[in-house]
Amino acid sequence: MNILHVSCSPLGQAAESHRLSQRIVGFLLAREPGATVTNRVIGDGTIPHVDENYAIAQQSTADPSQEGSIALSEELIQEVERADFVVIGTPVHNFTVPSALKAWIDLVVRARRTFDVTKDGKIGRLRDRPVYVAVASGGRYSGERARQPDFLTPYLKAVLGVVGLRDLTFFSVQGTASGPDAVAEAKASADQAVQDHFHSMCFTDRLRPVFAIAVLSN
């Protein structure tokens, strides 16, 4: 099993989104201790924006030059292709994804490589697989105490769906700017949600073989 962990916060390992995404990775490793984890750290600005060569490649059906960001695009896409699970840890910047994650998306969501443009719209070329998104936000964007809009969740669902990644699950630590008590409450709530999700998944996995035997015996 291969896990791709994309960490998007400029705070690095000190970020709540990184901590929560690491917790998700931990549950996946508990299910499959021999899994390989690829850590793609992008919050430090190492992912460039698309360059001229990449832009030209998107407008042409010819094989693109492998110079500049198009080469990195291929590397990032192959990381996604090898992954059985994708875990993204990201903060919310101005109601949506940070620019580092947007740069990663721009290099992964690529015409004629990860999606095709047809008369019926864009068709993803990647195999669907579970994508877990761990979000940290200074404000609250969901629930009864929401005080800001959420453009991150619908955007990620739409743009990753374009390439065929539709199995998205979101966990969040919200209100990190509201003081230590609020942060502690939000962390506990998020950790419990992750634990409940994976415990439920393990229970379902245990039931699946029994169900198969029952079907075969009818």
Protein backbone atom coordinates (compact mmCIF):
# COMPACT_ATOMS: atom_id res chain seq x y z
CA MET A 1 0.00 0.00 0.00
CA ASN A 2 1.25 3.47 -0.88
CA ILE A 3 0.25 6.67 0.93
CA LEU A 4 0.89 10.13 -0.49
CA HIS A 5 1.00 12.80 2.22
CA VAL A 6 0.85 16.38 0.91
CA SER A 7 1.59 18.97 3.59
CA CYS A 8 0.66 22.52 2.60
CA SER A 9 1.13 24.78 5.63
CA PRO A 10 3.99 27.30 5.82
CA LEU A 11 4.17 26.41 9.53
CA GLY A 12 5.41 22.94 8.60
CA GLN A 13 5.20 20.33 11.34
CA ALA A 14 3.94 22.93 13.83
CA ALA A 15 0.72 23.38 11.86
CA GLU A 16 -2.57 21.96 13.11
CA SER A 17 -3.35 20.76 9.58
CA HIS A 18 -0.06 18.84 9.52
CA ARG A 19 -0.73 17.31 12.96
CA LEU A 20 -4.22 16.21 11.93
CA SER A 21 -3.05 14.82 8.59
CA GLN A 22 -0.29 12.90 10.37
CA ARG A 23 -2.94 11.39 12.62
CA ILE A 24 -4.79 10.17 9.52
CA VAL A 25 -1.57 8.70 8.12
CA GLY A 26 -1.06 6.99 11.48
CA PHE A 27 -4.43 5.25 11.26
CA LEU A 28 -3.67 4.11 7.72
CA LEU A 29 -0.31 2.73 8.85
CA ALA A 30 -2.00 0.93 11.73
CA ARG A 31 -4.14 -0.89 9.18
CA GLU A 32 -1.16 -1.63 6.93
CA PRO A 33 2.17 -1.35 8.84
CA GLY A 34 4.17 -2.18 5.73
CA ALA A 35 2.80 0.74 3.73
CA THR A 36 5.12 3.20 2.02
CA VAL A 37 4.60 6.90 2.78
CA THR A 38 5.65 9.58 0.29
CA ASN A 39 5.90 12.95 2.04
CA ARG A 40 5.45 15.86 -0.34
CA VAL A 41 6.06 19.07 1.64
CA ILE A 42 4.90 22.11 -0.34
CA GLY A 43 4.07 24.71 2.31
CA ASP A 44 7.60 26.11 2.10
CA GLY A 45 7.02 27.35 -1.45
CA THR A 46 8.99 24.62 -3.23
CA ILE A 47 6.23 24.08 -5.81
CA PRO A 48 6.50 26.75 -8.52
CA HIS A 49 3.62 28.21 -10.43
CA VAL A 50 3.11 27.02 -13.98
CA ASP A 51 5.59 28.55 -16.42
CA GLU A 52 5.51 29.46 -20.11
CA ASN A 53 6.51 25.99 -21.28
CA TYR A 54 3.69 24.41 -19.25
CA ALA A 55 1.16 26.92 -20.57
CA ILE A 56 2.22 26.24 -24.17
CA ALA A 57 1.94 22.50 -23.57
CA GLN A 58 -1.66 22.93 -22.45
CA GLN A 59 -2.52 24.62 -25.74
CA SER A 60 -0.85 22.05 -28.01
CA THR A 61 -1.43 18.38 -28.76
CA ALA A 62 2.29 17.89 -29.41
CA ASP A 63 4.45 16.14 -26.82
CA PRO A 64 5.47 18.83 -24.31
CA SER A 65 9.06 19.71 -23.61
CA GLN A 66 10.23 18.27 -20.30
CA GLU A 67 11.86 21.54 -19.26
CA GLY A 68 10.61 23.72 -16.43
CA SER A 69 7.47 23.00 -14.43
CA ILE A 70 6.19 20.36 -16.89
CA ALA A 71 8.85 17.95 -15.58
CA LEU A 72 7.75 18.57 -12.00
CA SER A 73 4.15 18.13 -13.12
CA GLU A 74 4.96 14.63 -14.33
CA GLU A 75 6.71 13.79 -11.05
CA LEU A 76 3.74 14.98 -8.97
CA ILE A 77 1.22 13.14 -11.14
CA GLN A 78 3.18 9.90 -10.84
CA GLU A 79 3.14 10.28 -7.05
CA VAL A 80 -0.65 10.47 -7.15
CA GLU A 81 -0.88 7.54 -9.56
CA ARG A 82 1.20 5.31 -7.29
CA ALA A 83 -0.81 6.22 -4.19
CA ASP A 84 -3.59 4.02 -2.83
CA PHE A 85 -4.48 6.82 -0.40
CA VAL A 86 -3.88 10.57 -0.66
CA VAL A 87 -3.74 12.64 2.54
CA ILE A 88 -3.69 16.43 2.23
CA GLY A 89 -3.01 18.69 5.20
CA THR A 90 -3.90 22.30 4.44
CA PRO A 91 -4.73 25.58 6.13
CA VAL A 92 -7.48 27.90 4.93
CA HIS A 93 -6.15 31.14 3.44
CA ASN A 94 -8.71 33.84 2.73
CA PHE A 95 -11.63 31.40 2.65
CA THR A 96 -9.99 28.91 0.27
CA VAL A 97 -6.87 26.84 -0.47
CA PRO A 98 -3.42 28.38 0.07
CA SER A 99 -1.40 29.31 -2.99
CA ALA A 100 0.99 26.39 -2.37
CA LEU A 101 -1.83 23.87 -2.72
CA LYS A 102 -3.20 25.73 -5.73
CA ALA A 103 0.22 25.46 -7.40
CA TRP A 104 0.28 21.69 -6.72
CA ILE A 105 -3.23 21.33 -8.14
CA ASP A 106 -2.31 23.31 -11.27
CA LEU A 107 0.54 20.89 -11.97
CA VAL A 108 -1.52 17.75 -11.26
CA VAL A 109 -4.74 18.72 -13.06
CA ARG A 110 -3.31 18.66 -16.58
CA ALA A 111 -5.11 18.35 -19.89
CA ARG A 112 -4.44 15.15 -21.88
CA ARG A 113 -2.52 13.73 -18.92
CA THR A 114 -4.89 13.53 -15.96
CA PHE A 115 -8.08 14.52 -17.77
CA ASP A 116 -9.46 14.69 -21.29
CA VAL A 117 -11.64 17.41 -22.75
CA THR A 118 -14.61 15.94 -24.63
CA LYS A 119 -17.83 17.26 -26.11
CA ASP A 120 -19.52 16.13 -22.90
CA GLY A 121 -17.06 17.94 -20.65
CA LYS A 122 -13.86 17.04 -18.85
CA ILE A 123 -13.29 13.34 -18.13
CA GLY A 124 -10.80 12.24 -15.48
CA ARG A 125 -8.09 9.76 -16.38
CA LEU A 126 -6.95 8.83 -12.87
CA ARG A 127 -8.20 5.87 -10.88
CA ASP A 128 -10.38 6.97 -7.99
CA ARG A 129 -8.98 6.34 -4.52
CA PRO A 130 -9.68 7.70 -1.01
CA VAL A 131 -8.49 11.27 -0.47
CA TYR A 132 -8.42 12.55 3.10
CA VAL A 133 -8.22 16.31 3.62
CA ALA A 134 -7.18 17.66 7.03
CA VAL A 135 -8.05 21.35 7.29
CA ALA A 136 -7.05 23.98 9.85
CA SER A 137 -8.82 27.32 9.88
CA GLY A 138 -8.49 30.39 12.07
CA GLY A 139 -12.22 31.01 11.72
CA ARG A 140 -15.21 28.69 11.63
CA TYR A 141 -16.70 27.89 8.23
CA SER A 142 -19.14 25.08 9.08
CA GLY A 143 -21.67 24.27 11.77
CA GLU A 144 -23.86 26.55 13.84
CA ARG A 145 -20.96 28.83 14.77
CA ALA A 146 -19.78 29.43 11.20
CA ARG A 147 -18.82 33.04 10.59
CA GLN A 148 -17.11 32.85 7.21
CA PRO A 149 -17.78 31.29 3.80
CA ASP A 150 -16.19 28.02 2.71
CA PHE A 151 -14.74 28.02 -0.79
CA LEU A 152 -12.11 25.37 0.01
CA THR A 153 -14.34 22.30 0.33
CA PRO A 154 -16.44 22.76 -2.85
CA TYR A 155 -13.36 23.79 -4.83
CA LEU A 156 -11.37 20.69 -3.88
CA LYS A 157 -14.34 18.44 -4.61
CA ALA A 158 -14.76 20.02 -8.05
CA VAL A 159 -11.14 20.27 -9.15
CA LEU A 160 -10.03 16.83 -7.92
CA GLY A 161 -13.19 15.35 -9.39
CA VAL A 162 -12.05 16.60 -12.79
CA VAL A 163 -9.14 14.13 -12.76
CA GLY A 164 -11.22 11.28 -11.30
CA LEU A 165 -10.62 11.70 -7.56
CA ARG A 166 -14.13 11.80 -6.09
CA ASP A 167 -13.80 9.83 -2.84
CA LEU A 168 -13.00 12.81 -0.59
CA THR A 169 -13.35 12.89 3.20
CA PHE A 170 -12.78 16.12 5.15
CA PHE A 171 -11.72 16.61 8.76
CA SER A 172 -11.13 20.03 10.26
CA VAL A 173 -9.75 21.97 13.21
CA GLN A 174 -11.68 25.25 13.11
CA GLY A 175 -11.38 28.39 15.21
CA THR A 176 -7.64 28.21 15.81
CA ALA A 177 -7.58 32.01 16.20
CA SER A 178 -10.08 31.90 19.07
CA GLY A 179 -7.68 31.11 21.90
CA PRO A 180 -6.19 27.99 23.52
CA ASP A 181 -9.45 26.65 24.97
CA ALA A 182 -11.17 26.82 21.57
CA VAL A 183 -8.18 25.18 19.90
CA ALA A 184 -8.13 22.35 22.44
CA GLU A 185 -11.85 21.76 21.89
CA ALA A 186 -11.48 21.81 18.11
CA LYS A 187 -8.50 19.43 18.20
CA ALA A 188 -10.34 16.97 20.43
CA SER A 189 -13.39 17.08 18.15
CA ALA A 190 -11.29 16.54 15.01
CA ASP A 191 -9.29 13.71 16.58
CA GLN A 192 -12.49 11.98 17.64
CA ALA A 193 -13.95 12.33 14.15
CA VAL A 194 -10.85 10.72 12.63
CA GLN A 195 -10.88 7.92 15.18
CA ASP A 196 -14.58 7.23 14.64
CA HIS A 197 -14.11 7.15 10.88
CA PHE A 198 -11.29 4.61 10.91
CA HIS A 199 -12.80 2.45 13.62
CA SER A 200 -16.00 2.31 11.57
CA MET A 201 -13.95 1.42 8.48
CA CYS A 202 -12.20 -1.42 10.30
CA PHE A 203 -15.54 -2.79 11.52
CA THR A 204 -16.91 -2.69 7.97
CA ASP A 205 -13.80 -4.45 6.67
CA ARG A 206 -14.25 -7.24 9.22
CA LEU A 207 -17.85 -7.73 8.11
CA ARG A 208 -17.13 -7.84 4.40
CA PRO A 209 -15.77 -11.45 4.21
CA VAL A 210 -18.69 -12.74 6.31
CA PHE A 211 -21.12 -11.03 3.97
CA ALA A 212 -19.42 -12.60 0.97
CA ILE A 213 -19.72 -16.08 2.46
CA ALA A 214 -23.40 -15.54 3.20
CA VAL A 215 -24.05 -14.52 -0.39
CA LEU A 216 -22.17 -17.48 -1.81
CA SER A 217 -24.08 -19.93 0.39
CA ASN A 218 -27.51 -18.82 -0.89
